[in-house]
PDB file of N, CA and C in Angstrom:
ATOM      1  N   MET A   1      33.577 111.678-285.832  1.00  0.00           N
ATOM      2  CA  MET A   1      32.735 112.590-284.963  1.00  0.00           C
ATOM      3  C   MET A   1      31.488 112.881-285.622  1.00  0.00           C
ATOM      4  N   SER A   2      30.582 112.751-284.873  1.00  0.00           N
ATOM      5  CA  SER A   2      29.173 112.824-285.452  1.00  0.00           C
ATOM      6  C   SER A   2      28.765 114.731-285.985  1.00  0.00           C
ATOM      7  N   GLN A   3      28.042 114.880-286.816  1.00  0.00           N
ATOM      8  CA  GLN A   3      27.484 116.067-286.914  1.00  0.00           C
ATOM      9  C   GLN A   3      26.448 116.402-286.471  1.00  0.00           C
ATOM     10  N   ARG A   4      25.883 117.555-285.948  1.00  0.00           N
ATOM     11  CA  ARG A   4      24.590 117.815-285.496  1.00  0.00           C
ATOM     12  C   ARG A   4      24.389 119.128-285.506  1.00  0.00           C
ATOM     13  N   LYS A   5      23.148 119.622-285.757  1.00  0.00           N
ATOM     14  CA  LYS A   5      22.616 121.168-285.815  1.00  0.00           C
ATOM     15  C   LYS A   5      22.277 121.860-284.492  1.00  0.00           C
ATOM     16  N   VAL A   6      22.719 122.928-284.550  1.00  0.00           N
ATOM     17  CA  VAL A   6      22.470 123.875-283.200  1.00  0.00           C
ATOM     18  C   VAL A   6      21.876 125.176-283.817  1.00  0.00           C
ATOM     19  N   ALA A   7      21.309 125.842-282.960  1.00  0.00           N
ATOM     20  CA  ALA A   7      20.369 126.914-283.134  1.00  0.00           C
ATOM     21  C   ALA A   7      21.138 127.906-281.891  1.00  0.00           C
ATOM     22  N   ILE A   8      21.309 129.266-282.257  1.00  0.00           N
ATOM     23  CA  ILE A   8      21.904 130.013-281.354  1.00  0.00           C
ATOM     24  C   ILE A   8      21.057 131.146-281.346  1.00  0.00           C
ATOM     25  N   LEU A   9      20.402 131.875-280.705  1.00  0.00           N
ATOM     26  CA  LEU A   9      19.874 133.207-280.419  1.00  0.00           C
ATOM     27  C   LEU A   9      20.239 134.015-279.870  1.00  0.00           C
ATOM     28  N   ASP A  10      20.501 135.156-280.069  1.00  0.00           N
ATOM     29  CA  ASP A  10      20.649 136.532-279.747  1.00  0.00           C
ATOM     30  C   ASP A  10      19.988 137.239-279.549  1.00  0.00           C
ATOM     31  N   LEU A  11      19.163 137.285-277.871  1.00  0.00           N
ATOM     32  CA  LEU A  11      18.049 138.407-277.803  1.00  0.00           C
ATOM     33  C   LEU A  11      18.284 139.798-277.575  1.00  0.00           C
ATOM     34  N   GLY A  12      18.624 140.494-278.459  1.00  0.00           N
ATOM     35  CA  GLY A  12      19.233 141.981-278.496  1.00  0.00           C
ATOM     36  C   GLY A  12      18.195 143.102-277.883  1.00  0.00           C
ATOM     37  N   THR A  13      18.436 144.257-277.776  1.00  0.00           N
ATOM     38  CA  THR A  13      17.548 145.246-277.431  1.00  0.00           C
ATOM     39  C   THR A  13      16.795 145.535-278.643  1.00  0.00           C
ATOM     40  N   ASN A  14      17.494 145.622-279.739  1.00  0.00           N
ATOM     41  CA  ASN A  14      16.454 146.227-281.041  1.00  0.00           C
ATOM     42  C   ASN A  14      16.353 145.019-282.008  1.00  0.00           C
ATOM     43  N   THR A  15      17.270 144.136-282.065  1.00  0.00           N
ATOM     44  CA  THR A  15      16.778 142.733-282.772  1.00  0.00           C
ATOM     45  C   THR A  15      17.393 141.458-282.229  1.00  0.00           C
ATOM     46  N   PHE A  16      16.452 140.431-282.900  1.00  0.00           N
ATOM     47  CA  PHE A  16      16.772 138.955-282.245  1.00  0.00           C
ATOM     48  C   PHE A  16      17.560 138.463-283.548  1.00  0.00           C
ATOM     49  N   HIS A  17      18.520 137.665-283.134  1.00  0.00           N
ATOM     50  CA  HIS A  17      19.405 137.132-284.444  1.00  0.00           C
ATOM     51  C   HIS A  17      19.175 135.633-283.992  1.00  0.00           C
ATOM     52  N   ILE A  18      18.960 134.914-285.198  1.00  0.00           N
ATOM     53  CA  ILE A  18      19.267 133.494-285.122  1.00  0.00           C
ATOM     54  C   ILE A  18      20.202 132.824-285.887  1.00  0.00           C
ATOM     55  N   LEU A  19      20.998 132.148-285.720  1.00  0.00           N
ATOM     56  CA  LEU A  19      21.927 131.469-286.407  1.00  0.00           C
ATOM     57  C   LEU A  19      21.623 129.984-286.292  1.00  0.00           C
ATOM     58  N   ILE A  20      21.390 129.101-287.219  1.00  0.00           N
ATOM     59  CA  ILE A  20      21.486 127.577-287.453  1.00  0.00           C
ATOM     60  C   ILE A  20      22.730 126.936-288.069  1.00  0.00           C
ATOM     61  N   ALA A  21      23.277 126.357-287.511  1.00  0.00           N
ATOM     62  CA  ALA A  21      24.616 126.073-288.043  1.00  0.00           C
ATOM     63  C   ALA A  21      24.815 124.241-287.829  1.00  0.00           C
ATOM     64  N   ARG A  22      25.581 123.646-288.998  1.00  0.00           N
ATOM     65  CA  ARG A  22      25.947 122.547-288.578  1.00  0.00           C
ATOM     66  C   ARG A  22      27.438 122.306-288.081  1.00  0.00           C
ATOM     67  N   VAL A  23      27.531 121.434-286.859  1.00  0.00           N
ATOM     68  CA  VAL A  23      28.711 121.539-286.240  1.00  0.00           C
ATOM     69  C   VAL A  23      29.321 120.093-286.222  1.00  0.00           C
ATOM     70  N   ASN A  24      30.527 120.289-286.568  1.00  0.00           N
ATOM     71  CA  ASN A  24      31.257 118.775-286.368  1.00  0.00           C
ATOM     72  C   ASN A  24      32.495 119.032-285.730  1.00  0.00           C
ATOM     73  N   GLY A  25      32.590 118.675-284.664  1.00  0.00           N
ATOM     74  CA  GLY A  25      33.544 118.908-283.710  1.00  0.00           C
ATOM     75  C   GLY A  25      33.779 120.115-283.287  1.00  0.00           C
ATOM     76  N   GLN A  26      35.096 120.791-283.598  1.00  0.00           N
ATOM     77  CA  GLN A  26      35.360 122.281-283.372  1.00  0.00           C
ATOM     78  C   GLN A  26      34.818 123.061-284.737  1.00  0.00           C
ATOM     79  N   SER A  27      34.686 122.364-285.792  1.00  0.00           N
ATOM     80  CA  SER A  27      34.186 123.392-286.991  1.00  0.00           C
ATOM     81  C   SER A  27      32.799 123.582-286.897  1.00  0.00           C
ATOM     82  N   PHE A  28      32.129 124.412-288.027  1.00  0.00           N
ATOM     83  CA  PHE A  28      30.717 124.539-288.031  1.00  0.00           C
ATOM     84  C   PHE A  28      30.468 125.108-289.455  1.00  0.00           C
ATOM     85  N   HIS A  29      29.331 125.139-289.711  1.00  0.00           N
ATOM     86  CA  HIS A  29      28.875 125.692-291.347  1.00  0.00           C
ATOM     87  C   HIS A  29      27.614 126.366-290.873  1.00  0.00           C
ATOM     88  N   THR A  30      27.404 127.539-291.127  1.00  0.00           N
ATOM     89  CA  THR A  30      26.386 128.489-291.092  1.00  0.00           C
ATOM     90  C   THR A  30      25.301 127.996-292.134  1.00  0.00           C
ATOM     91  N   LEU A  31      23.941 127.504-291.599  1.00  0.00           N
ATOM     92  CA  LEU A  31      23.156 126.774-292.686  1.00  0.00           C
ATOM     93  C   LEU A  31      21.924 127.841-292.716  1.00  0.00           C
ATOM     94  N   TYR A  32      21.766 128.883-291.853  1.00  0.00           N
ATOM     95  CA  TYR A  32      20.723 129.770-291.650  1.00  0.00           C
ATOM     96  C   TYR A  32      21.036 131.085-290.961  1.00  0.00           C
ATOM     97  N   ARG A  33      20.882 132.391-291.287  1.00  0.00           N
ATOM     98  CA  ARG A  33      20.948 133.334-290.262  1.00  0.00           C
ATOM     99  C   ARG A  33      20.092 134.422-290.631  1.00  0.00           C
ATOM    100  N   GLU A  34      19.373 135.080-289.712  1.00  0.00           N
ATOM    101  CA  GLU A  34      18.479 136.143-289.797  1.00  0.00           C
ATOM    102  C   GLU A  34      18.460 137.034-288.726  1.00  0.00           C
ATOM    103  N   LYS A  35      18.277 138.310-288.790  1.00  0.00           N
ATOM    104  CA  LYS A  35      17.856 139.455-287.802  1.00  0.00           C
ATOM    105  C   LYS A  35      16.208 139.758-287.971  1.00  0.00           C
ATOM    106  N   ILE A  36      15.928 139.724-286.836  1.00  0.00           N
ATOM    107  CA  ILE A  36      14.465 140.146-286.771  1.00  0.00           C
ATOM    108  C   ILE A  36      14.466 141.166-285.834  1.00  0.00           C
ATOM    109  N   PRO A  37      13.801 142.712-286.339  1.00  0.00           N
ATOM    110  CA  PRO A  37      13.778 143.562-285.312  1.00  0.00           C
ATOM    111  C   PRO A  37      12.455 143.317-284.405  1.00  0.00           C
ATOM    112  N   VAL A  38      12.820 143.692-283.200  1.00  0.00           N
ATOM    113  CA  VAL A  38      11.807 143.851-282.057  1.00  0.00           C
ATOM    114  C   VAL A  38      11.650 144.894-281.401  1.00  0.00           C
ATOM    115  N   LYS A  39      12.848 145.323-281.307  1.00  0.00           N
ATOM    116  CA  LYS A  39      12.746 146.855-280.439  1.00  0.00           C
ATOM    117  C   LYS A  39      12.355 146.832-279.122  1.00  0.00           C
ATOM    118  N   ILE A  40      12.967 145.721-278.603  1.00  0.00           N
ATOM    119  CA  ILE A  40      12.636 145.349-277.081  1.00  0.00           C
ATOM    120  C   ILE A  40      12.220 146.704-276.039  1.00  0.00           C
ATOM    121  N   GLY A  41      13.399 147.613-276.486  1.00  0.00           N
ATOM    122  CA  GLY A  41      13.624 148.832-275.522  1.00  0.00           C
ATOM    123  C   GLY A  41      12.682 149.896-275.675  1.00  0.00           C
ATOM    124  N   ASP A  42      11.808 149.881-276.738  1.00  0.00           N
ATOM    125  CA  ASP A  42      10.679 150.854-276.990  1.00  0.00           C
ATOM    126  C   ASP A  42       9.487 150.983-275.937  1.00  0.00           C
ATOM    127  N   ASN A  43       9.333 152.193-275.769  1.00  0.00           N
ATOM    128  CA  ASN A  43       8.386 152.466-274.388  1.00  0.00           C
ATOM    129  C   ASN A  43       8.009 151.717-273.355  1.00  0.00           C
ATOM    130  N   GLY A  44       9.428 152.003-272.908  1.00  0.00           N
ATOM    131  CA  GLY A  44       9.353 151.500-271.459  1.00  0.00           C
ATOM    132  C   GLY A  44      10.596 151.121-271.031  1.00  0.00           C
ATOM    133  N   ILE A  45      11.656 150.793-271.681  1.00  0.00           N
ATOM    134  CA  ILE A  45      13.098 150.397-271.029  1.00  0.00           C
ATOM    135  C   ILE A  45      13.625 151.334-270.340  1.00  0.00           C
ATOM    136  N   SER A  46      13.337 152.684-270.832  1.00  0.00           N
ATOM    137  CA  SER A  46      13.898 153.947-269.990  1.00  0.00           C
ATOM    138  C   SER A  46      13.213 154.111-268.669  1.00  0.00           C
ATOM    139  N   ASP A  47      12.166 153.434-268.170  1.00  0.00           N
ATOM    140  CA  ASP A  47      11.324 153.217-267.141  1.00  0.00           C
ATOM    141  C   ASP A  47      12.035 152.099-266.303  1.00  0.00           C
ATOM    142  N   GLY A  48      12.754 151.160-266.860  1.00  0.00           N
ATOM    143  CA  GLY A  48      13.789 149.839-266.302  1.00  0.00           C
ATOM    144  C   GLY A  48      12.524 148.612-266.931  1.00  0.00           C
ATOM    145  N   LYS A  49      11.609 148.722-267.700  1.00  0.00           N
ATOM    146  CA  LYS A  49      10.866 147.554-267.935  1.00  0.00           C
ATOM    147  C   LYS A  49      10.556 147.126-269.440  1.00  0.00           C
ATOM    148  N   ILE A  50      10.080 146.366-269.589  1.00  0.00           N
ATOM    149  CA  ILE A  50       9.879 145.973-271.126  1.00  0.00           C
ATOM    150  C   ILE A  50       8.383 146.025-271.261  1.00  0.00           C
ATOM    151  N   SER A  51       7.888 146.886-272.107  1.00  0.00           N
ATOM    152  CA  SER A  51       6.523 147.357-272.455  1.00  0.00           C
ATOM    153  C   SER A  51       5.913 146.120-272.699  1.00  0.00           C
ATOM    154  N   LYS A  52       4.481 146.310-272.834  1.00  0.00           N
ATOM    155  CA  LYS A  52       3.383 145.325-273.580  1.00  0.00           C
ATOM    156  C   LYS A  52       3.569 144.871-274.713  1.00  0.00           C
ATOM    157  N   GLU A  53       3.699 146.105-275.564  1.00  0.00           N
ATOM    158  CA  GLU A  53       3.788 146.129-277.176  1.00  0.00           C
ATOM    159  C   GLU A  53       5.387 145.460-277.514  1.00  0.00           C
ATOM    160  N   ALA A  54       6.377 145.750-276.764  1.00  0.00           N
ATOM    161  CA  ALA A  54       7.678 145.024-276.868  1.00  0.00           C
ATOM    162  C   ALA A  54       7.386 143.656-276.635  1.00  0.00           C
ATOM    163  N   TRP A  55       7.064 143.257-275.541  1.00  0.00           N
ATOM    164  CA  TRP A  55       6.894 141.706-275.076  1.00  0.00           C
ATOM    165  C   TRP A  55       6.001 141.130-276.365  1.00  0.00           C
ATOM    166  N   SER A  56       4.965 141.698-276.742  1.00  0.00           N
ATOM    167  CA  SER A  56       4.193 140.861-277.889  1.00  0.00           C
ATOM    168  C   SER A  56       5.238 140.755-279.029  1.00  0.00           C
ATOM    169  N   ARG A  57       5.682 142.022-279.402  1.00  0.00           N
ATOM    170  CA  ARG A  57       7.012 141.594-280.785  1.00  0.00           C
ATOM    171  C   ARG A  57       7.773 140.623-280.439  1.00  0.00           C
ATOM    172  N   ALA A  58       8.450 140.555-279.347  1.00  0.00           N
ATOM    173  CA  ALA A  58       9.243 139.650-278.718  1.00  0.00           C
ATOM    174  C   ALA A  58       8.719 138.035-279.026  1.00  0.00           C
ATOM    175  N   MET A  59       7.576 137.930-278.588  1.00  0.00           N
ATOM    176  CA  MET A  59       7.122 136.869-278.312  1.00  0.00           C
ATOM    177  C   MET A  59       6.601 136.374-279.658  1.00  0.00           C
ATOM    178  N   ASP A  60       6.106 136.953-280.496  1.00  0.00           N
ATOM    179  CA  ASP A  60       5.698 136.690-282.027  1.00  0.00           C
ATOM    180  C   ASP A  60       7.046 136.138-282.858  1.00  0.00           C
ATOM    181  N   SER A  61       8.413 137.021-282.420  1.00  0.00           N
ATOM    182  CA  SER A  61       9.489 136.584-283.419  1.00  0.00           C
ATOM    183  C   SER A  61       9.748 135.548-283.012  1.00  0.00           C
ATOM    184  N   LEU A  62       9.834 135.198-281.292  1.00  0.00           N
ATOM    185  CA  LEU A  62      10.174 133.893-281.182  1.00  0.00           C
ATOM    186  C   LEU A  62       9.332 132.593-281.489  1.00  0.00           C
ATOM    187  N   TYR A  63       8.022 132.854-281.731  1.00  0.00           N
ATOM    188  CA  TYR A  63       7.317 131.699-282.255  1.00  0.00           C
ATOM    189  C   TYR A  63       7.724 131.597-283.444  1.00  0.00           C
ATOM    190  N   TYR A  64       7.997 132.598-284.048  1.00  0.00           N
ATOM    191  CA  TYR A  64       8.741 132.332-285.729  1.00  0.00           C
ATOM    192  C   TYR A  64       9.705 131.731-285.787  1.00  0.00           C
ATOM    193  N   ILE A  65      10.452 131.824-285.016  1.00  0.00           N
ATOM    194  CA  ILE A  65      11.967 131.346-284.460  1.00  0.00           C
ATOM    195  C   ILE A  65      11.870 129.936-284.162  1.00  0.00           C
ATOM    196  N   ARG A  66      10.765 129.675-283.125  1.00  0.00           N
ATOM    197  CA  ARG A  66      10.549 128.274-282.954  1.00  0.00           C
ATOM    198  C   ARG A  66      10.286 127.345-284.023  1.00  0.00           C
ATOM    199  N   ALA A  67       9.390 128.126-285.077  1.00  0.00           N
ATOM    200  CA  ALA A  67       8.898 127.183-285.935  1.00  0.00           C
ATOM    201  C   ALA A  67      10.232 126.880-286.973  1.00  0.00           C
ATOM    202  N   LEU A  68      11.296 127.754-287.190  1.00  0.00           N
ATOM    203  CA  LEU A  68      12.130 127.500-287.813  1.00  0.00           C
ATOM    204  C   LEU A  68      12.839 126.168-287.293  1.00  0.00           C
ATOM    205  N   ILE A  69      13.206 126.465-285.891  1.00  0.00           N
ATOM    206  CA  ILE A  69      14.143 125.315-285.136  1.00  0.00           C
ATOM    207  C   ILE A  69      13.395 123.800-285.112  1.00  0.00           C
ATOM    208  N   ASP A  70      12.171 124.127-285.067  1.00  0.00           N
ATOM    209  CA  ASP A  70      11.350 122.892-285.146  1.00  0.00           C
ATOM    210  C   ASP A  70      11.380 122.155-286.546  1.00  0.00           C
ATOM    211  N   ARG A  71      11.146 123.221-287.435  1.00  0.00           N
ATOM    212  CA  ARG A  71      11.438 122.509-288.998  1.00  0.00           C
ATOM    213  C   ARG A  71      12.428 121.789-289.554  1.00  0.00           C
ATOM    214  N   GLU A  72      13.933 122.333-288.396  1.00  0.00           N
ATOM    215  CA  GLU A  72      15.111 121.821-288.963  1.00  0.00           C
ATOM    216  C   GLU A  72      15.294 120.656-287.879  1.00  0.00           C
ATOM    217  N   ASN A  73      14.363 120.161-286.869  1.00  0.00           N
ATOM    218  CA  ASN A  73      14.673 119.448-285.993  1.00  0.00           C
ATOM    219  C   ASN A  73      15.729 119.302-284.985  1.00  0.00           C
ATOM    220  N   ILE A  74      16.017 120.633-284.639  1.00  0.00           N
ATOM    221  CA  ILE A  74      17.031 121.021-283.774  1.00  0.00           C
ATOM    222  C   ILE A  74      16.819 120.906-282.256  1.00  0.00           C
ATOM    223  N   GLU A  75      17.600 119.997-281.644  1.00  0.00           N
ATOM    224  CA  GLU A  75      17.275 120.138-280.096  1.00  0.00           C
ATOM    225  C   GLU A  75      18.069 120.794-279.245  1.00  0.00           C
ATOM    226  N   ASP A  76      19.389 121.133-279.665  1.00  0.00           N
ATOM    227  CA  ASP A  76      20.656 121.986-279.228  1.00  0.00           C
ATOM    228  C   ASP A  76      20.327 123.454-279.589  1.00  0.00           C
ATOM    229  N   ILE A  77      19.701 124.245-278.586  1.00  0.00           N
ATOM    230  CA  ILE A  77      19.581 125.800-278.416  1.00  0.00           C
ATOM    231  C   ILE A  77      20.065 126.194-277.421  1.00  0.00           C
ATOM    232  N   TYR A  78      21.073 127.322-277.853  1.00  0.00           N
ATOM    233  CA  TYR A  78      21.578 128.203-277.043  1.00  0.00           C
ATOM    234  C   TYR A  78      21.221 129.534-277.226  1.00  0.00           C
ATOM    235  N   SER A  79      20.926 130.545-275.985  1.00  0.00           N
ATOM    236  CA  SER A  79      20.376 131.658-276.212  1.00  0.00           C
ATOM    237  C   SER A  79      21.379 132.943-275.342  1.00  0.00           C
ATOM    238  N   ILE A  80      21.137 134.033-275.569  1.00  0.00           N
ATOM    239  CA  ILE A  80      22.037 135.065-274.655  1.00  0.00           C
ATOM    240  C   ILE A  80      20.857 136.087-274.956  1.00  0.00           C
ATOM    241  N   ALA A  81      20.599 136.953-273.647  1.00  0.00           N
ATOM    242  CA  ALA A  81      19.701 137.880-273.632  1.00  0.00           C
ATOM    243  C   ALA A  81      20.464 139.025-273.308  1.00  0.00           C
ATOM    244  N   THR A  82      20.387 140.099-273.938  1.00  0.00           N
ATOM    245  CA  THR A  82      20.896 141.450-273.824  1.00  0.00           C
ATOM    246  C   THR A  82      20.748 141.877-272.670  1.00  0.00           C
ATOM    247  N   SER A  83      21.416 143.034-272.066  1.00  0.00           N
ATOM    248  CA  SER A  83      21.292 143.524-270.571  1.00  0.00           C
ATOM    249  C   SER A  83      20.025 144.435-270.597  1.00  0.00           C
ATOM    250  N   ALA A  84      19.366 144.512-271.571  1.00  0.00           N
ATOM    251  CA  ALA A  84      18.198 145.150-271.266  1.00  0.00           C
ATOM    252  C   ALA A  84      17.053 144.506-271.042  1.00  0.00           C
ATOM    253  N   ILE A  85      16.974 143.274-271.354  1.00  0.00           N
ATOM    254  CA  ILE A  85      16.256 142.348-270.935  1.00  0.00           C
ATOM    255  C   ILE A  85      16.595 141.807-269.511  1.00  0.00           C
ATOM    256  N   ARG A  86      18.017 141.297-269.379  1.00  0.00           N
ATOM    257  CA  ARG A  86      18.361 140.841-267.758  1.00  0.00           C
ATOM    258  C   ARG A  86      18.123 142.026-266.659  1.00  0.00           C
ATOM    259  N   ASN A  87      18.481 143.346-267.124  1.00  0.00           N
ATOM    260  CA  ASN A  87      18.135 144.279-266.202  1.00  0.00           C
ATOM    261  C   ASN A  87      16.700 145.011-265.702  1.00  0.00           C
ATOM    262  N   ALA A  88      15.937 144.406-266.744  1.00  0.00           N
ATOM    263  CA  ALA A  88      14.571 145.157-266.572  1.00  0.00           C
ATOM    264  C   ALA A  88      13.782 144.591-265.441  1.00  0.00           C
ATOM    265  N   LYS A  89      12.854 145.311-265.040  1.00  0.00           N
ATOM    266  CA  LYS A  89      12.359 144.803-263.652  1.00  0.00           C
ATOM    267  C   LYS A  89      11.501 143.780-263.994  1.00  0.00           C
ATOM    268  N   ASN A  90      10.932 143.739-265.174  1.00  0.00           N
ATOM    269  CA  ASN A  90      10.054 142.291-265.631  1.00  0.00           C
ATOM    270  C   ASN A  90      10.590 141.535-266.402  1.00  0.00           C
ATOM    271  N   GLY A  91      12.266 141.429-266.508  1.00  0.00           N
ATOM    272  CA  GLY A  91      13.170 140.797-267.241  1.00  0.00           C
ATOM    273  C   GLY A  91      13.134 139.301-267.031  1.00  0.00           C
ATOM    274  N   SER A  92      12.797 139.050-265.749  1.00  0.00           N
ATOM    275  CA  SER A  92      12.905 137.525-265.207  1.00  0.00           C
ATOM    276  C   SER A  92      11.426 137.189-265.614  1.00  0.00           C
ATOM    277  N   SER A  93      10.528 137.793-265.754  1.00  0.00           N
ATOM    278  CA  SER A  93       9.171 137.553-265.898  1.00  0.00           C
ATOM    279  C   SER A  93       9.103 136.936-267.536  1.00  0.00           C
ATOM    280  N   PHE A  94       9.700 138.157-268.325  1.00  0.00           N
ATOM    281  CA  PHE A  94       9.898 137.824-269.774  1.00  0.00           C
ATOM    282  C   PHE A  94      10.661 136.687-270.040  1.00  0.00           C
ATOM    283  N   LEU A  95      11.721 136.271-269.435  1.00  0.00           N
ATOM    284  CA  LEU A  95      12.743 135.053-269.963  1.00  0.00           C
ATOM    285  C   LEU A  95      11.732 133.941-269.282  1.00  0.00           C
ATOM    286  N   ALA A  96      11.048 133.865-268.231  1.00  0.00           N
ATOM    287  CA  ALA A  96      10.180 132.911-267.970  1.00  0.00           C
ATOM    288  C   ALA A  96       8.892 132.316-268.882  1.00  0.00           C
ATOM    289  N   ASP A  97       8.531 133.373-269.329  1.00  0.00           N
ATOM    290  CA  ASP A  97       7.569 133.221-270.589  1.00  0.00           C
ATOM    291  C   ASP A  97       8.111 132.824-271.766  1.00  0.00           C
ATOM    292  N   VAL A  98       9.374 133.262-272.133  1.00  0.00           N
ATOM    293  CA  VAL A  98      10.270 132.468-272.971  1.00  0.00           C
ATOM    294  C   VAL A  98      10.252 131.352-273.004  1.00  0.00           C
ATOM    295  N   LYS A  99      10.692 130.953-272.114  1.00  0.00           N
ATOM    296  CA  LYS A  99      10.981 129.297-271.734  1.00  0.00           C
ATOM    297  C   LYS A  99       9.703 128.551-271.738  1.00  0.00           C
ATOM    298  N   ARG A 100       8.793 129.124-270.925  1.00  0.00           N
ATOM    299  CA  ARG A 100       7.288 128.552-271.109  1.00  0.00           C
ATOM    300  C   ARG A 100       6.679 128.236-272.568  1.00  0.00           C
ATOM    301  N   HIS A 101       7.016 129.304-273.384  1.00  0.00           N
ATOM    302  CA  HIS A 101       6.310 128.908-274.640  1.00  0.00           C
ATOM    303  C   HIS A 101       7.302 128.658-275.541  1.00  0.00           C
TER     304      HIS A 101
END
């Protein structure tokens, strides 16, 4: 069975997590792991939206994460967004922006 590298992103309310692993069948070996504070919920989530400042912090973090993924030549990327992002009034716009960039 061939080995491949994957990146898994957890887009949480307070931190974004990235895990890069080498997968071989049903086993894996962690190559890299990092937590990046983004505080998506600051200044707006109580109103049901992601603030411009939080949006900017999140995008800056994702540009950084994308550079890590590109450097490792990873094509398989899996991500999960927290309920704060999924339920925000502008959450779908945020996720569209993430996909676009």
